[in-house]
Amino acid sequence: MPESIFKKLSPLTKWDRDYYTKMISENDFSENPDFCSLAKLSCSSEIHNFEAASKAYSSSIYSTNVALTSQSNKVDKFSYFRLSNLREGNKFHLSNLVESFPNRAFLPVEISSKISLSKKNFGKIFPKSFELSKDSIETTLSYCAEEAIHGEIKACPKSLEEMIDFSKSALGKNKLLALASQSTRTGDFLMKKIKKFDRQKIVACHEAYLPFAAYFCHAVSSSQVYTVDLVEAKTRLPVKPVIAICHMDTSAWPANYVAFKILKFSPGEGEACHWMSNIDLAWIADE
């Protein structure tokens, strides 16, 4: 498990988990400073720059919702590239792979399973959070409510346990490997060594914004995942590796998706590759 995910593990004790699970089950709970601090949640952090906060959606999640897609028109031109660019010795620009979401922990599955992904539910359990970050939370809920595109299996796990269970089910394997980018540096780099993981299917999980750590996960076939070792373009000093995913079949993607604007082709006319952030995960079978 990548270090970035270990940092999101819930600090709640068994007593805490049992107590708050009972409170939520009895519909007798609403967020308060003590709970948010104890559970390491983001209940009072307003996301001031919604465009930056929604970067994870616009750069790596395709949406069939026109309103959501329109928010991603200003994604930087380096966020998508072609497979032909992924070759040793190639010079490229790497944008910032650090997510702009506030740091927060997962909720234990016994608590998160009691929280439904609806505006009414979040308005009741997390009223202050919903008031401060309404746009970001509603964007997450909208993505999660959308139907999967053809050939895709999707889910919005609200806990680490749910994410692992979904990945196991989608991949049909019990032993998994989680991959995440280790470098978060931006600038010009050279690709030094490229490793392709020869798998038929992957599960990509992108961080989504809720008061607690949550993800948007989708299992897609016809995709390839790579680990890329980097060196600085000028000094040739080594840089920690990053993860790239190439979606080889884009025929089912909506025509107004930002990747097609950057790569200048239409759905089904080519593959689309993108980097994974330090918080995003690529799950594959550990073979």
C-alpha atoms as a PDB file:
ATOM      1  CA  MET A   1       0.000   0.000   0.000  1.00  0.00           C
ATOM      2  CA  PRO A   2       1.479   3.399  -0.961  1.00  0.00           C
ATOM      3  CA  GLU A   3       2.578   5.707   1.844  1.00  0.00           C
ATOM      4  CA  SER A   4       0.070   8.354   0.798  1.00  0.00           C
ATOM      5  CA  ILE A   5      -2.761   5.938   1.612  1.00  0.00           C
ATOM      6  CA  PHE A   6      -1.265   4.853   4.931  1.00  0.00           C
ATOM      7  CA  LYS A   7      -1.480   8.502   5.979  1.00  0.00           C
ATOM      8  CA  LYS A   8      -5.237   8.380   5.427  1.00  0.00           C
ATOM      9  CA  LEU A   9      -5.946   5.442   7.714  1.00  0.00           C
ATOM     10  CA  SER A  10      -8.530   6.223  10.378  1.00  0.00           C
ATOM     11  CA  PRO A  11      -7.167   7.055  13.847  1.00  0.00           C
ATOM     12  CA  LEU A  12     -10.450   6.102  15.543  1.00  0.00           C
ATOM     13  CA  THR A  13     -10.251   3.457  18.268  1.00  0.00           C
ATOM     14  CA  LYS A  14     -12.657   0.538  18.474  1.00  0.00           C
ATOM     15  CA  TRP A  15     -14.603   2.357  21.180  1.00  0.00           C
ATOM     16  CA  ASP A  16     -14.849   5.427  18.941  1.00  0.00           C
ATOM     17  CA  ARG A  17     -15.998   3.347  15.992  1.00  0.00           C
ATOM     18  CA  ASP A  18     -18.651   1.535  17.991  1.00  0.00           C
ATOM     19  CA  TYR A  19     -19.934   4.736  19.587  1.00  0.00           C
ATOM     20  CA  TYR A  20     -20.276   6.760  16.361  1.00  0.00           C
ATOM     21  CA  THR A  21     -21.624   3.815  14.401  1.00  0.00           C
ATOM     22  CA  LYS A  22     -24.418   3.517  16.976  1.00  0.00           C
ATOM     23  CA  MET A  23     -25.108   7.266  16.861  1.00  0.00           C
ATOM     24  CA  ILE A  24     -25.370   7.374  13.059  1.00  0.00           C
ATOM     25  CA  SER A  25     -27.436   4.161  12.959  1.00  0.00           C
ATOM     26  CA  GLU A  26     -29.954   5.748  15.308  1.00  0.00           C
ATOM     27  CA  ASN A  27     -30.118   8.930  13.189  1.00  0.00           C
ATOM     28  CA  ASP A  28     -28.893  10.811  16.227  1.00  0.00           C
ATOM     29  CA  PHE A  29     -25.711  12.351  14.897  1.00  0.00           C
ATOM     30  CA  SER A  30     -24.490  15.523  13.236  1.00  0.00           C
ATOM     31  CA  GLU A  31     -20.876  16.573  12.772  1.00  0.00           C
ATOM     32  CA  ASN A  32     -19.213  18.418  15.625  1.00  0.00           C
ATOM     33  CA  PRO A  33     -15.652  19.734  16.158  1.00  0.00           C
ATOM     34  CA  ASP A  34     -14.716  16.917  18.532  1.00  0.00           C
ATOM     35  CA  PHE A  35     -15.689  14.170  16.080  1.00  0.00           C
ATOM     36  CA  CYS A  36     -14.057  15.904  13.114  1.00  0.00           C
ATOM     37  CA  SER A  37     -10.804  16.409  15.010  1.00  0.00           C
ATOM     38  CA  LEU A  38     -10.808  12.897  16.431  1.00  0.00           C
ATOM     39  CA  ALA A  39     -11.480  11.283  13.044  1.00  0.00           C
ATOM     40  CA  LYS A  40      -9.161  13.672  11.117  1.00  0.00           C
ATOM     41  CA  LEU A  41     -11.924  14.907   8.828  1.00  0.00           C
ATOM     42  CA  SER A  42     -12.244  18.152   6.878  1.00  0.00           C
ATOM     43  CA  CYS A  43     -15.454  19.544   8.319  1.00  0.00           C
ATOM     44  CA  SER A  44     -14.581  23.229   8.523  1.00  0.00           C
ATOM     45  CA  SER A  45     -12.183  23.654   5.586  1.00  0.00           C
ATOM     46  CA  GLU A  46     -13.817  25.668   2.858  1.00  0.00           C
ATOM     47  CA  ILE A  47     -12.507  24.953  -0.638  1.00  0.00           C
ATOM     48  CA  HIS A  48     -11.992  28.483  -1.904  1.00  0.00           C
ATOM     49  CA  ASN A  49     -10.707  27.578  -5.353  1.00  0.00           C
ATOM     50  CA  PHE A  50     -13.261  25.154  -6.741  1.00  0.00           C
ATOM     51  CA  GLU A  51     -11.570  24.991 -10.125  1.00  0.00           C
ATOM     52  CA  ALA A  52      -8.340  23.786  -8.512  1.00  0.00           C
ATOM     53  CA  ALA A  53     -10.173  21.473  -6.153  1.00  0.00           C
ATOM     54  CA  SER A  54     -11.952  19.772  -9.039  1.00  0.00           C
ATOM     55  CA  LYS A  55      -8.671  19.053 -10.845  1.00  0.00           C
ATOM     56  CA  ALA A  56      -8.907  15.355 -10.057  1.00  0.00           C
ATOM     57  CA  TYR A  57     -12.226  15.113 -11.878  1.00  0.00           C
ATOM     58  CA  SER A  58     -11.346  17.149 -14.933  1.00  0.00           C
ATOM     59  CA  SER A  59      -7.939  15.569 -15.517  1.00  0.00           C
ATOM     60  CA  SER A  60      -8.770  11.911 -15.133  1.00  0.00           C
ATOM     61  CA  ILE A  61     -12.512  11.255 -14.883  1.00  0.00           C
ATOM     62  CA  TYR A  62     -14.688  11.410 -17.958  1.00  0.00           C
ATOM     63  CA  SER A  63     -18.245  12.545 -17.403  1.00  0.00           C
ATOM     64  CA  THR A  64     -21.405  12.186 -19.467  1.00  0.00           C
ATOM     65  CA  ASN A  65     -22.829  15.192 -17.618  1.00  0.00           C
ATOM     66  CA  VAL A  66     -22.443  18.309 -19.781  1.00  0.00           C
ATOM     67  CA  ALA A  67     -22.542  20.647 -16.776  1.00  0.00           C
ATOM     68  CA  LEU A  68     -19.706  18.782 -15.087  1.00  0.00           C
ATOM     69  CA  THR A  69     -17.663  18.496 -18.251  1.00  0.00           C
ATOM     70  CA  SER A  70     -17.891  22.242 -18.839  1.00  0.00           C
ATOM     71  CA  GLN A  71     -16.029  22.797 -15.564  1.00  0.00           C
ATOM     72  CA  SER A  72     -12.984  21.057 -17.005  1.00  0.00           C
ATOM     73  CA  ASN A  73     -12.398  23.360 -19.982  1.00  0.00           C
ATOM     74  CA  LYS A  74      -9.278  24.923 -18.444  1.00  0.00           C
ATOM     75  CA  VAL A  75      -7.301  21.750 -17.781  1.00  0.00           C
ATOM     76  CA  ASP A  76      -3.657  22.248 -18.691  1.00  0.00           C
ATOM     77  CA  LYS A  77      -2.472  20.910 -22.034  1.00  0.00           C
ATOM     78  CA  PHE A  78      -0.010  18.486 -20.433  1.00  0.00           C
ATOM     79  CA  SER A  79      -2.651  16.475 -18.591  1.00  0.00           C
ATOM     80  CA  TYR A  80      -3.181  14.081 -21.522  1.00  0.00           C
ATOM     81  CA  PHE A  81      -0.731  12.624 -24.029  1.00  0.00           C
ATOM     82  CA  ARG A  82      -0.417   9.847 -26.620  1.00  0.00           C
ATOM     83  CA  LEU A  83       1.221   6.472 -26.067  1.00  0.00           C
ATOM     84  CA  SER A  84       3.888   7.389 -28.625  1.00  0.00           C
ATOM     85  CA  ASN A  85       5.162  10.014 -26.155  1.00  0.00           C
ATOM     86  CA  LEU A  86       5.848   7.305 -23.603  1.00  0.00           C
ATOM     87  CA  ARG A  87       9.347   6.249 -24.613  1.00  0.00           C
ATOM     88  CA  GLU A  88      12.752   6.186 -22.933  1.00  0.00           C
ATOM     89  CA  GLY A  89      14.779   9.346 -23.442  1.00  0.00           C
ATOM     90  CA  ASN A  90      11.748  11.453 -24.287  1.00  0.00           C
ATOM     91  CA  LYS A  91      11.627  14.921 -22.732  1.00  0.00           C
ATOM     92  CA  PHE A  92       8.281  16.020 -21.347  1.00  0.00           C
ATOM     93  CA  HIS A  93       6.678  18.485 -18.973  1.00  0.00           C
ATOM     94  CA  LEU A  94       5.123  17.085 -15.812  1.00  0.00           C
ATOM     95  CA  SER A  95       2.416  19.166 -14.204  1.00  0.00           C
ATOM     96  CA  ASN A  96       1.790  19.283 -10.480  1.00  0.00           C
ATOM     97  CA  LEU A  97       0.627  15.845  -9.306  1.00  0.00           C
ATOM     98  CA  VAL A  98      -0.218  16.980  -5.768  1.00  0.00           C
ATOM     99  CA  GLU A  99      -3.978  17.058  -5.181  1.00  0.00           C
ATOM    100  CA  SER A 100      -5.393  20.314  -3.845  1.00  0.00           C
ATOM    101  CA  PHE A 101      -7.952  18.688  -1.574  1.00  0.00           C
ATOM    102  CA  PRO A 102      -7.607  19.166   2.202  1.00  0.00           C
ATOM    103  CA  ASN A 103      -5.914  16.319   4.024  1.00  0.00           C
ATOM    104  CA  ARG A 104      -8.386  13.987   5.710  1.00  0.00           C
ATOM    105  CA  ALA A 105      -8.655  10.371   6.838  1.00  0.00           C
ATOM    106  CA  PHE A 106     -10.895   7.506   5.799  1.00  0.00           C
ATOM    107  CA  LEU A 107     -13.841   6.680   7.983  1.00  0.00           C
ATOM    108  CA  PRO A 108     -13.993   3.076   9.222  1.00  0.00           C
ATOM    109  CA  VAL A 109     -16.250   1.000   7.001  1.00  0.00           C
ATOM    110  CA  GLU A 110     -18.778   0.403   9.789  1.00  0.00           C
ATOM    111  CA  ILE A 111     -19.371   4.184   9.922  1.00  0.00           C
ATOM    112  CA  SER A 112     -19.042   5.071   6.234  1.00  0.00           C
ATOM    113  CA  SER A 113     -21.463   2.303   5.242  1.00  0.00           C
ATOM    114  CA  LYS A 114     -24.177   4.158   7.165  1.00  0.00           C
ATOM    115  CA  ILE A 115     -23.685   7.322   5.091  1.00  0.00           C
ATOM    116  CA  SER A 116     -25.532   7.350   1.778  1.00  0.00           C
ATOM    117  CA  LEU A 117     -24.264   9.446  -1.119  1.00  0.00           C
ATOM    118  CA  SER A 118     -27.162  11.889  -1.271  1.00  0.00           C
ATOM    119  CA  LYS A 119     -27.472  15.638  -0.755  1.00  0.00           C
ATOM    120  CA  LYS A 120     -30.145  15.127   1.907  1.00  0.00           C
ATOM    121  CA  ASN A 121     -27.977  12.752   3.886  1.00  0.00           C
ATOM    122  CA  PHE A 122     -24.865  14.935   3.748  1.00  0.00           C
ATOM    123  CA  GLY A 123     -26.887  18.013   4.598  1.00  0.00           C
ATOM    124  CA  LYS A 124     -28.048  16.236   7.739  1.00  0.00           C
ATOM    125  CA  ILE A 125     -24.847  14.511   8.917  1.00  0.00           C
ATOM    126  CA  PHE A 126     -22.352  17.136   7.702  1.00  0.00           C
ATOM    127  CA  PRO A 127     -24.344  20.419   7.646  1.00  0.00           C
ATOM    128  CA  LYS A 128     -21.363  22.741   8.207  1.00  0.00           C
ATOM    129  CA  SER A 129     -19.198  20.924   5.634  1.00  0.00           C
ATOM    130  CA  PHE A 130     -22.014  20.944   3.104  1.00  0.00           C
ATOM    131  CA  GLU A 131     -22.513  24.675   3.619  1.00  0.00           C
ATOM    132  CA  LEU A 132     -18.806  25.521   3.244  1.00  0.00           C
ATOM    133  CA  SER A 133     -17.982  23.213   0.313  1.00  0.00           C
ATOM    134  CA  LYS A 134     -21.358  22.716  -1.324  1.00  0.00           C
ATOM    135  CA  ASP A 135     -20.103  22.882  -4.938  1.00  0.00           C
ATOM    136  CA  SER A 136     -17.315  20.362  -4.395  1.00  0.00           C
ATOM    137  CA  ILE A 137     -19.489  17.898  -2.484  1.00  0.00           C
ATOM    138  CA  GLU A 138     -22.303  18.162  -5.015  1.00  0.00           C
ATOM    139  CA  THR A 139     -19.831  17.559  -7.848  1.00  0.00           C
ATOM    140  CA  THR A 140     -18.672  14.366  -6.143  1.00  0.00           C
ATOM    141  CA  LEU A 141     -22.247  13.206  -5.589  1.00  0.00           C
ATOM    142  CA  SER A 142     -23.104  13.938  -9.231  1.00  0.00           C
ATOM    143  CA  TYR A 143     -20.201  11.887 -10.539  1.00  0.00           C
ATOM    144  CA  CYS A 144     -21.080   9.021  -8.248  1.00  0.00           C
ATOM    145  CA  ALA A 145     -24.718   9.067  -9.372  1.00  0.00           C
ATOM    146  CA  GLU A 146     -23.902   8.853 -13.081  1.00  0.00           C
ATOM    147  CA  GLU A 147     -24.310   5.614 -14.977  1.00  0.00           C
ATOM    148  CA  ALA A 148     -21.156   3.826 -16.066  1.00  0.00           C
ATOM    149  CA  ILE A 149     -20.168   4.166 -19.700  1.00  0.00           C
ATOM    150  CA  HIS A 150     -20.044   1.105 -21.952  1.00  0.00           C
ATOM    151  CA  GLY A 151     -17.447  -1.404 -20.772  1.00  0.00           C
ATOM    152  CA  GLU A 152     -16.874   0.326 -17.447  1.00  0.00           C
ATOM    153  CA  ILE A 153     -17.538  -0.840 -13.890  1.00  0.00           C
ATOM    154  CA  LYS A 154     -17.594   2.055 -11.429  1.00  0.00           C
ATOM    155  CA  ALA A 155     -18.059   2.736  -7.743  1.00  0.00           C
ATOM    156  CA  CYS A 156     -17.540   5.501  -5.192  1.00  0.00           C
ATOM    157  CA  PRO A 157     -16.025   3.749  -2.168  1.00  0.00           C
ATOM    158  CA  LYS A 158     -16.378   5.704   1.049  1.00  0.00           C
ATOM    159  CA  SER A 159     -13.710   3.732   2.913  1.00  0.00           C
ATOM    160  CA  LEU A 160     -10.466   1.914   2.205  1.00  0.00           C
ATOM    161  CA  GLU A 161     -12.203  -1.408   2.855  1.00  0.00           C
ATOM    162  CA  GLU A 162     -14.854  -0.619   0.228  1.00  0.00           C
ATOM    163  CA  MET A 163     -12.171   0.371  -2.284  1.00  0.00           C
ATOM    164  CA  ILE A 164     -10.243  -2.867  -1.783  1.00  0.00           C
ATOM    165  CA  ASP A 165     -13.417  -4.987  -1.973  1.00  0.00           C
ATOM    166  CA  PHE A 166     -14.501  -3.244  -5.184  1.00  0.00           C
ATOM    167  CA  SER A 167     -11.071  -3.731  -6.746  1.00  0.00           C
ATOM    168  CA  LYS A 168     -11.018  -7.421  -5.835  1.00  0.00           C
ATOM    169  CA  SER A 169     -14.476  -7.938  -7.288  1.00  0.00           C
ATOM    170  CA  ALA A 170     -13.819  -5.962 -10.478  1.00  0.00           C
ATOM    171  CA  LEU A 171     -10.502  -7.684 -11.149  1.00  0.00           C
ATOM    172  CA  GLY A 172     -11.639 -11.136 -10.028  1.00  0.00           C
ATOM    173  CA  LYS A 173      -8.533 -11.486  -7.876  1.00  0.00           C
ATOM    174  CA  ASN A 174      -7.905 -11.551  -4.140  1.00  0.00           C
ATOM    175  CA  LYS A 175      -4.226 -10.618  -4.222  1.00  0.00           C
ATOM    176  CA  LEU A 176      -3.753  -7.073  -5.501  1.00  0.00           C
ATOM    177  CA  LEU A 177      -0.986  -4.553  -6.012  1.00  0.00           C
ATOM    178  CA  ALA A 178      -1.637  -0.828  -5.488  1.00  0.00           C
ATOM    179  CA  LEU A 179       0.398   1.612  -7.566  1.00  0.00           C
ATOM    180  CA  ALA A 180       0.741   5.365  -6.995  1.00  0.00           C
ATOM    181  CA  SER A 181       3.045   8.108  -8.238  1.00  0.00           C
ATOM    182  CA  GLN A 182       5.850   8.797  -5.801  1.00  0.00           C
ATOM    183  CA  SER A 183       7.048  12.069  -7.297  1.00  0.00           C
ATOM    184  CA  THR A 184       4.980  15.235  -7.051  1.00  0.00           C
ATOM    185  CA  ARG A 185       7.494  17.551  -8.679  1.00  0.00           C
ATOM    186  CA  THR A 186       6.629  19.712 -11.646  1.00  0.00           C
ATOM    187  CA  GLY A 187       8.931  20.731 -14.483  1.00  0.00           C
ATOM    188  CA  ASP A 188      10.765  19.231 -17.438  1.00  0.00           C
ATOM    189  CA  PHE A 189      12.027  15.654 -17.147  1.00  0.00           C
ATOM    190  CA  LEU A 190      13.435  12.808 -19.192  1.00  0.00           C
ATOM    191  CA  MET A 191      11.919   9.336 -19.154  1.00  0.00           C
ATOM    192  CA  LYS A 192      14.688   7.011 -18.020  1.00  0.00           C
ATOM    193  CA  LYS A 193      13.083   3.596 -17.553  1.00  0.00           C
ATOM    194  CA  ILE A 194       9.557   2.508 -18.410  1.00  0.00           C
ATOM    195  CA  LYS A 195       7.954  -0.627 -16.991  1.00  0.00           C
ATOM    196  CA  LYS A 196       4.684  -1.919 -18.409  1.00  0.00           C
ATOM    197  CA  PHE A 197       2.453  -4.076 -16.226  1.00  0.00           C
ATOM    198  CA  ASP A 198       0.969  -6.654 -18.563  1.00  0.00           C
ATOM    199  CA  ARG A 199      -2.574  -6.910 -17.207  1.00  0.00           C
ATOM    200  CA  GLN A 200      -5.897  -7.350 -18.994  1.00  0.00           C
ATOM    201  CA  LYS A 201      -7.771  -5.030 -16.647  1.00  0.00           C
ATOM    202  CA  ILE A 202      -6.989  -2.341 -14.094  1.00  0.00           C
ATOM    203  CA  VAL A 203      -8.942  -0.410 -11.492  1.00  0.00           C
ATOM    204  CA  ALA A 204      -8.129   3.292 -11.350  1.00  0.00           C
ATOM    205  CA  CYS A 205      -9.174   5.194  -8.237  1.00  0.00           C
ATOM    206  CA  HIS A 206      -9.134   8.992  -8.132  1.00  0.00           C
ATOM    207  CA  GLU A 207      -9.596  10.984  -4.959  1.00  0.00           C
ATOM    208  CA  ALA A 208     -12.964  12.694  -4.682  1.00  0.00           C
ATOM    209  CA  TYR A 209     -13.961  15.443  -2.293  1.00  0.00           C
ATOM    210  CA  LEU A 210     -16.085  14.632   0.738  1.00  0.00           C
ATOM    211  CA  PRO A 211     -15.438  15.644   4.376  1.00  0.00           C
ATOM    212  CA  PHE A 212     -13.711  12.252   4.774  1.00  0.00           C
ATOM    213  CA  ALA A 213     -11.352  10.491   2.355  1.00  0.00           C
ATOM    214  CA  ALA A 214     -13.311   9.049  -0.561  1.00  0.00           C
ATOM    215  CA  TYR A 215     -12.583   7.874  -4.080  1.00  0.00           C
ATOM    216  CA  PHE A 216     -14.112   7.469  -7.520  1.00  0.00           C
ATOM    217  CA  CYS A 217     -13.032   4.076  -8.883  1.00  0.00           C
ATOM    218  CA  HIS A 218     -13.589   2.542 -12.277  1.00  0.00           C
ATOM    219  CA  ALA A 219     -12.511  -0.740 -13.794  1.00  0.00           C
ATOM    220  CA  VAL A 220     -11.766  -0.518 -17.469  1.00  0.00           C
ATOM    221  CA  SER A 221     -10.452  -3.028 -19.959  1.00  0.00           C
ATOM    222  CA  SER A 222      -8.291  -1.998 -22.915  1.00  0.00           C
ATOM    223  CA  SER A 223      -6.099   0.057 -20.590  1.00  0.00           C
ATOM    224  CA  GLN A 224      -2.403  -0.171 -19.827  1.00  0.00           C
ATOM    225  CA  VAL A 225      -0.474   0.942 -16.752  1.00  0.00           C
ATOM    226  CA  TYR A 226       3.185   1.942 -16.594  1.00  0.00           C
ATOM    227  CA  THR A 227       5.763   2.931 -13.996  1.00  0.00           C
ATOM    228  CA  VAL A 228       8.075   5.614 -15.351  1.00  0.00           C
ATOM    229  CA  ASP A 229      11.448   6.420 -13.766  1.00  0.00           C
ATOM    230  CA  LEU A 230      12.505  10.028 -14.323  1.00  0.00           C
ATOM    231  CA  VAL A 231      15.626  12.177 -14.344  1.00  0.00           C
ATOM    232  CA  GLU A 232      15.817  15.955 -14.329  1.00  0.00           C
ATOM    233  CA  ALA A 233      16.206  17.317 -17.840  1.00  0.00           C
ATOM    234  CA  LYS A 234      19.122  19.623 -16.950  1.00  0.00           C
ATOM    235  CA  THR A 235      21.010  17.863 -14.148  1.00  0.00           C
ATOM    236  CA  ARG A 236      20.145  14.242 -15.030  1.00  0.00           C
ATOM    237  CA  LEU A 237      19.554  13.661 -11.310  1.00  0.00           C
ATOM    238  CA  PRO A 238      17.063  10.842 -10.596  1.00  0.00           C
ATOM    239  CA  VAL A 239      13.491  11.636  -9.590  1.00  0.00           C
ATOM    240  CA  LYS A 240      11.038   9.284  -7.913  1.00  0.00           C
ATOM    241  CA  PRO A 241       8.831   7.336 -10.376  1.00  0.00           C
ATOM    242  CA  VAL A 242       5.349   8.261 -11.550  1.00  0.00           C
ATOM    243  CA  ILE A 243       2.440   6.151 -12.780  1.00  0.00           C
ATOM    244  CA  ALA A 244       0.900   6.545 -16.225  1.00  0.00           C
ATOM    245  CA  ILE A 245      -2.329   4.985 -17.477  1.00  0.00           C
ATOM    246  CA  CYS A 246      -3.190   4.719 -21.160  1.00  0.00           C
ATOM    247  CA  HIS A 247      -6.797   4.101 -22.147  1.00  0.00           C
ATOM    248  CA  MET A 248      -6.545   2.364 -25.506  1.00  0.00           C
ATOM    249  CA  ASP A 249     -10.261   2.469 -26.343  1.00  0.00           C
ATOM    250  CA  THR A 250     -11.887   5.904 -26.095  1.00  0.00           C
ATOM    251  CA  SER A 251     -14.880   5.115 -28.306  1.00  0.00           C
ATOM    252  CA  ALA A 252     -17.387   5.266 -25.423  1.00  0.00           C
ATOM    253  CA  TRP A 253     -16.112   8.547 -23.986  1.00  0.00           C
ATOM    254  CA  PRO A 254     -18.328  11.644 -24.392  1.00  0.00           C
ATOM    255  CA  ALA A 255     -17.332  13.758 -27.381  1.00  0.00           C
ATOM    256  CA  ASN A 256     -16.985  16.937 -25.292  1.00  0.00           C
ATOM    257  CA  TYR A 257     -14.511  15.370 -22.875  1.00  0.00           C
ATOM    258  CA  VAL A 258     -11.427  17.510 -22.315  1.00  0.00           C
ATOM    259  CA  ALA A 259      -8.958  14.830 -23.485  1.00  0.00           C
ATOM    260  CA  PHE A 260     -10.215  15.168 -27.054  1.00  0.00           C
ATOM    261  CA  LYS A 261      -9.684  18.934 -26.981  1.00  0.00           C
ATOM    262  CA  ILE A 262      -6.089  18.437 -25.844  1.00  0.00           C
ATOM    263  CA  LEU A 263      -5.235  15.536 -28.149  1.00  0.00           C
ATOM    264  CA  LYS A 264      -7.290  16.851 -31.069  1.00  0.00           C
ATOM    265  CA  PHE A 265      -9.146  13.714 -32.101  1.00  0.00           C
ATOM    266  CA  SER A 266     -12.652  12.327 -31.651  1.00  0.00           C
ATOM    267  CA  PRO A 267     -13.886   9.356 -29.585  1.00  0.00           C
ATOM    268  CA  GLY A 268     -12.437   6.076 -30.803  1.00  0.00           C
ATOM    269  CA  GLU A 269      -9.782   7.678 -33.003  1.00  0.00           C
ATOM    270  CA  GLY A 270      -6.892   7.126 -30.605  1.00  0.00           C
ATOM    271  CA  GLU A 271      -5.705   6.303 -27.126  1.00  0.00           C
ATOM    272  CA  ALA A 272      -5.471   8.775 -24.227  1.00  0.00           C
ATOM    273  CA  CYS A 273      -2.797   8.589 -21.535  1.00  0.00           C
ATOM    274  CA  HIS A 274      -2.553  10.531 -18.290  1.00  0.00           C
ATOM    275  CA  TRP A 275      -0.427  10.632 -15.153  1.00  0.00           C
ATOM    276  CA  MET A 276      -1.720   9.549 -11.761  1.00  0.00           C
ATOM    277  CA  SER A 277      -1.392  11.910  -8.804  1.00  0.00           C
ATOM    278  CA  ASN A 278       0.320  10.962  -5.569  1.00  0.00           C
ATOM    279  CA  ILE A 279      -3.083  10.216  -4.014  1.00  0.00           C
ATOM    280  CA  ASP A 280      -4.656   8.353  -6.944  1.00  0.00           C
ATOM    281  CA  LEU A 281      -4.300   4.572  -7.103  1.00  0.00           C
ATOM    282  CA  ALA A 282      -4.030   1.990  -9.851  1.00  0.00           C
ATOM    283  CA  TRP A 283      -5.011  -1.483  -8.644  1.00  0.00           C
ATOM    284  CA  ILE A 284      -3.818  -4.525 -10.573  1.00  0.00           C
ATOM    285  CA  ALA A 285      -3.671  -8.248  -9.935  1.00  0.00           C
ATOM    286  CA  ASP A 286      -0.453  -9.211  -8.141  1.00  0.00           C
ATOM    287  CA  GLU A 287       0.795 -11.969 -10.431  1.00  0.00           C
END
